[in-house]
Protein backbone atom coordinates (compact mmCIF):
# COMPACT_ATOMS: atom_id res chain seq x y z
CA GLN A 1 37.15 80.39 51.36
CA VAL A 2 38.93 83.74 51.64
CA GLN A 3 37.19 87.07 51.14
CA LEU A 4 38.67 90.54 50.84
CA VAL A 5 36.65 93.70 51.30
CA GLU A 6 38.09 97.10 50.40
CA SER A 7 36.85 100.48 51.52
CA GLY A 8 37.94 104.10 51.53
CA GLY A 9 37.90 105.08 47.89
CA GLY A 10 36.26 108.22 46.64
CA LEU A 11 36.58 111.55 44.89
CA VAL A 12 39.37 113.87 45.99
CA GLN A 13 41.05 116.98 44.70
CA ALA A 14 44.67 116.80 43.59
CA GLY A 15 46.97 117.25 46.55
CA GLY A 16 44.51 115.64 48.90
CA SER A 17 44.64 112.38 50.82
CA LEU A 18 42.70 109.15 51.11
CA ARG A 19 43.13 106.04 53.21
CA LEU A 20 42.17 102.69 51.79
CA SER A 21 41.41 99.70 54.00
CA CYS A 22 41.12 96.03 53.21
CA ALA A 23 39.92 93.33 55.57
CA ALA A 24 40.50 89.66 54.87
CA SER A 25 38.45 86.83 56.32
CA GLY A 26 38.41 83.07 56.00
CA SER A 27 41.11 80.44 56.16
CA ILE A 28 44.32 82.47 55.89
CA ALA A 29 47.86 81.18 56.33
CA SER A 30 49.81 83.00 59.03
CA ILE A 31 52.65 83.75 56.63
CA ASN A 32 51.29 85.83 53.80
CA THR A 33 51.68 88.95 51.73
CA MET A 34 49.04 91.61 51.32
CA GLY A 35 49.15 94.34 48.78
CA TRP A 36 47.44 96.99 46.75
CA TYR A 37 47.24 97.06 42.98
CA ARG A 38 45.55 99.54 40.73
CA GLN A 39 44.11 99.57 37.25
CA ALA A 40 43.45 102.77 35.36
CA PRO A 41 41.11 102.83 32.33
CA GLY A 42 42.82 101.27 29.33
CA LYS A 43 45.86 100.18 31.33
CA GLN A 44 47.10 96.98 32.87
CA ARG A 45 46.79 96.31 36.55
CA GLU A 46 49.96 97.33 38.37
CA LEU A 47 51.46 96.90 41.80
CA VAL A 48 51.18 99.91 44.09
CA ALA A 49 52.65 98.44 47.26
CA SER A 50 52.87 95.17 49.14
CA ILE A 51 53.74 94.14 52.68
CA GLY A 52 54.63 90.83 54.25
CA ASN A 53 53.46 89.77 57.69
CA ASP A 54 57.04 90.50 58.78
CA GLY A 55 56.51 94.14 57.84
CA ARG A 56 58.75 94.21 54.78
CA THR A 57 57.34 96.47 52.10
CA ASN A 58 57.70 96.93 48.39
CA THR A 59 56.47 100.22 46.92
CA ALA A 60 56.20 101.27 43.29
CA ASP A 61 58.44 104.14 42.20
CA ALA A 62 55.42 106.12 41.00
CA VAL A 63 54.03 106.43 44.53
CA GLN A 64 57.22 106.29 46.58
CA GLY A 65 57.20 109.04 49.20
CA ARG A 66 53.47 109.68 48.80
CA PHE A 67 51.80 106.37 49.62
CA THR A 68 52.40 104.26 52.71
CA ILE A 69 51.27 100.68 53.16
CA SER A 70 50.71 99.16 56.59
CA ARG A 71 48.95 96.18 58.08
CA ASP A 72 47.39 94.82 61.23
CA ASN A 73 48.19 91.12 61.44
CA ALA A 74 45.72 90.52 64.24
CA LYS A 75 42.91 91.85 62.07
CA ASN A 76 44.17 90.45 58.76
CA ALA A 77 43.89 93.98 57.44
CA VAL A 78 46.01 96.11 55.17
CA TYR A 79 45.89 99.86 54.68
CA LEU A 80 47.12 102.31 52.09
CA GLN A 81 47.61 105.91 53.13
CA MET A 82 47.68 108.03 50.00
CA ASN A 83 48.94 111.60 50.26
CA SER A 84 49.66 114.27 47.66
CA LEU A 85 47.32 112.55 45.25
CA LYS A 86 47.64 113.31 41.55
CA PRO A 87 45.13 112.91 38.72
CA GLU A 88 47.26 110.06 37.37
CA ASP A 89 46.51 108.13 40.57
CA THR A 90 42.92 107.78 39.38
CA ALA A 91 42.17 104.07 39.14
CA VAL A 92 40.35 101.18 40.70
CA TYR A 93 42.44 99.96 43.62
CA TYR A 94 42.43 96.26 44.40
CA CYS A 95 43.54 94.46 47.53
CA LYS A 96 45.43 91.20 47.10
CA LEU A 97 46.32 88.46 49.56
CA SER A 98 48.85 85.76 48.72
CA PHE A 99 50.10 82.78 50.65
CA VAL A 100 51.45 79.29 50.17
CA ARG A 101 49.67 76.33 51.69
CA ILE A 102 51.00 73.39 49.68
CA ILE A 103 50.40 75.55 46.60
CA ARG A 104 50.38 79.30 46.13
CA SER A 105 46.99 81.01 46.34
CA ASP A 106 46.09 84.57 45.36
CA TYR A 107 42.89 86.28 46.39
CA TRP A 108 41.54 89.59 45.18
CA GLY A 109 39.01 92.07 46.44
CA LYS A 110 36.41 93.61 44.15
CA GLY A 111 38.16 96.97 44.12
CA THR A 112 37.47 100.49 45.27
CA LYS A 113 37.44 103.47 42.94
CA VAL A 114 39.75 106.44 43.50
CA ASN A 115 39.11 109.52 41.41
CA VAL A 116 41.52 112.46 41.66
CA TYR A 117 40.52 115.69 39.93
CA SER A 118 42.63 118.76 39.28
């Protein structure tokens, strides 16, 4: 079984920074993609950024230039550095791990809340 545990959320003033961390444990394929999604109240969950174990990233336009995703393959961990935060970044942020081992599997963390006030 695979487990994901996020940390680093909190309350921050607009313009501030936060760093989210996610650690994965369990039976994980060596080739995988890790990412961050977010869901604001009343909205659908959306991709923030993702990164493959080869380092290739995909970042949403809304956070481009402000958020940076990175990972530590040895630790099965992914990070999201969030700078210049805006009130519209307020959401629950979820970590996701995806890989194919015969079939595709997606695993989600329980989420960490980010609240940006102006």
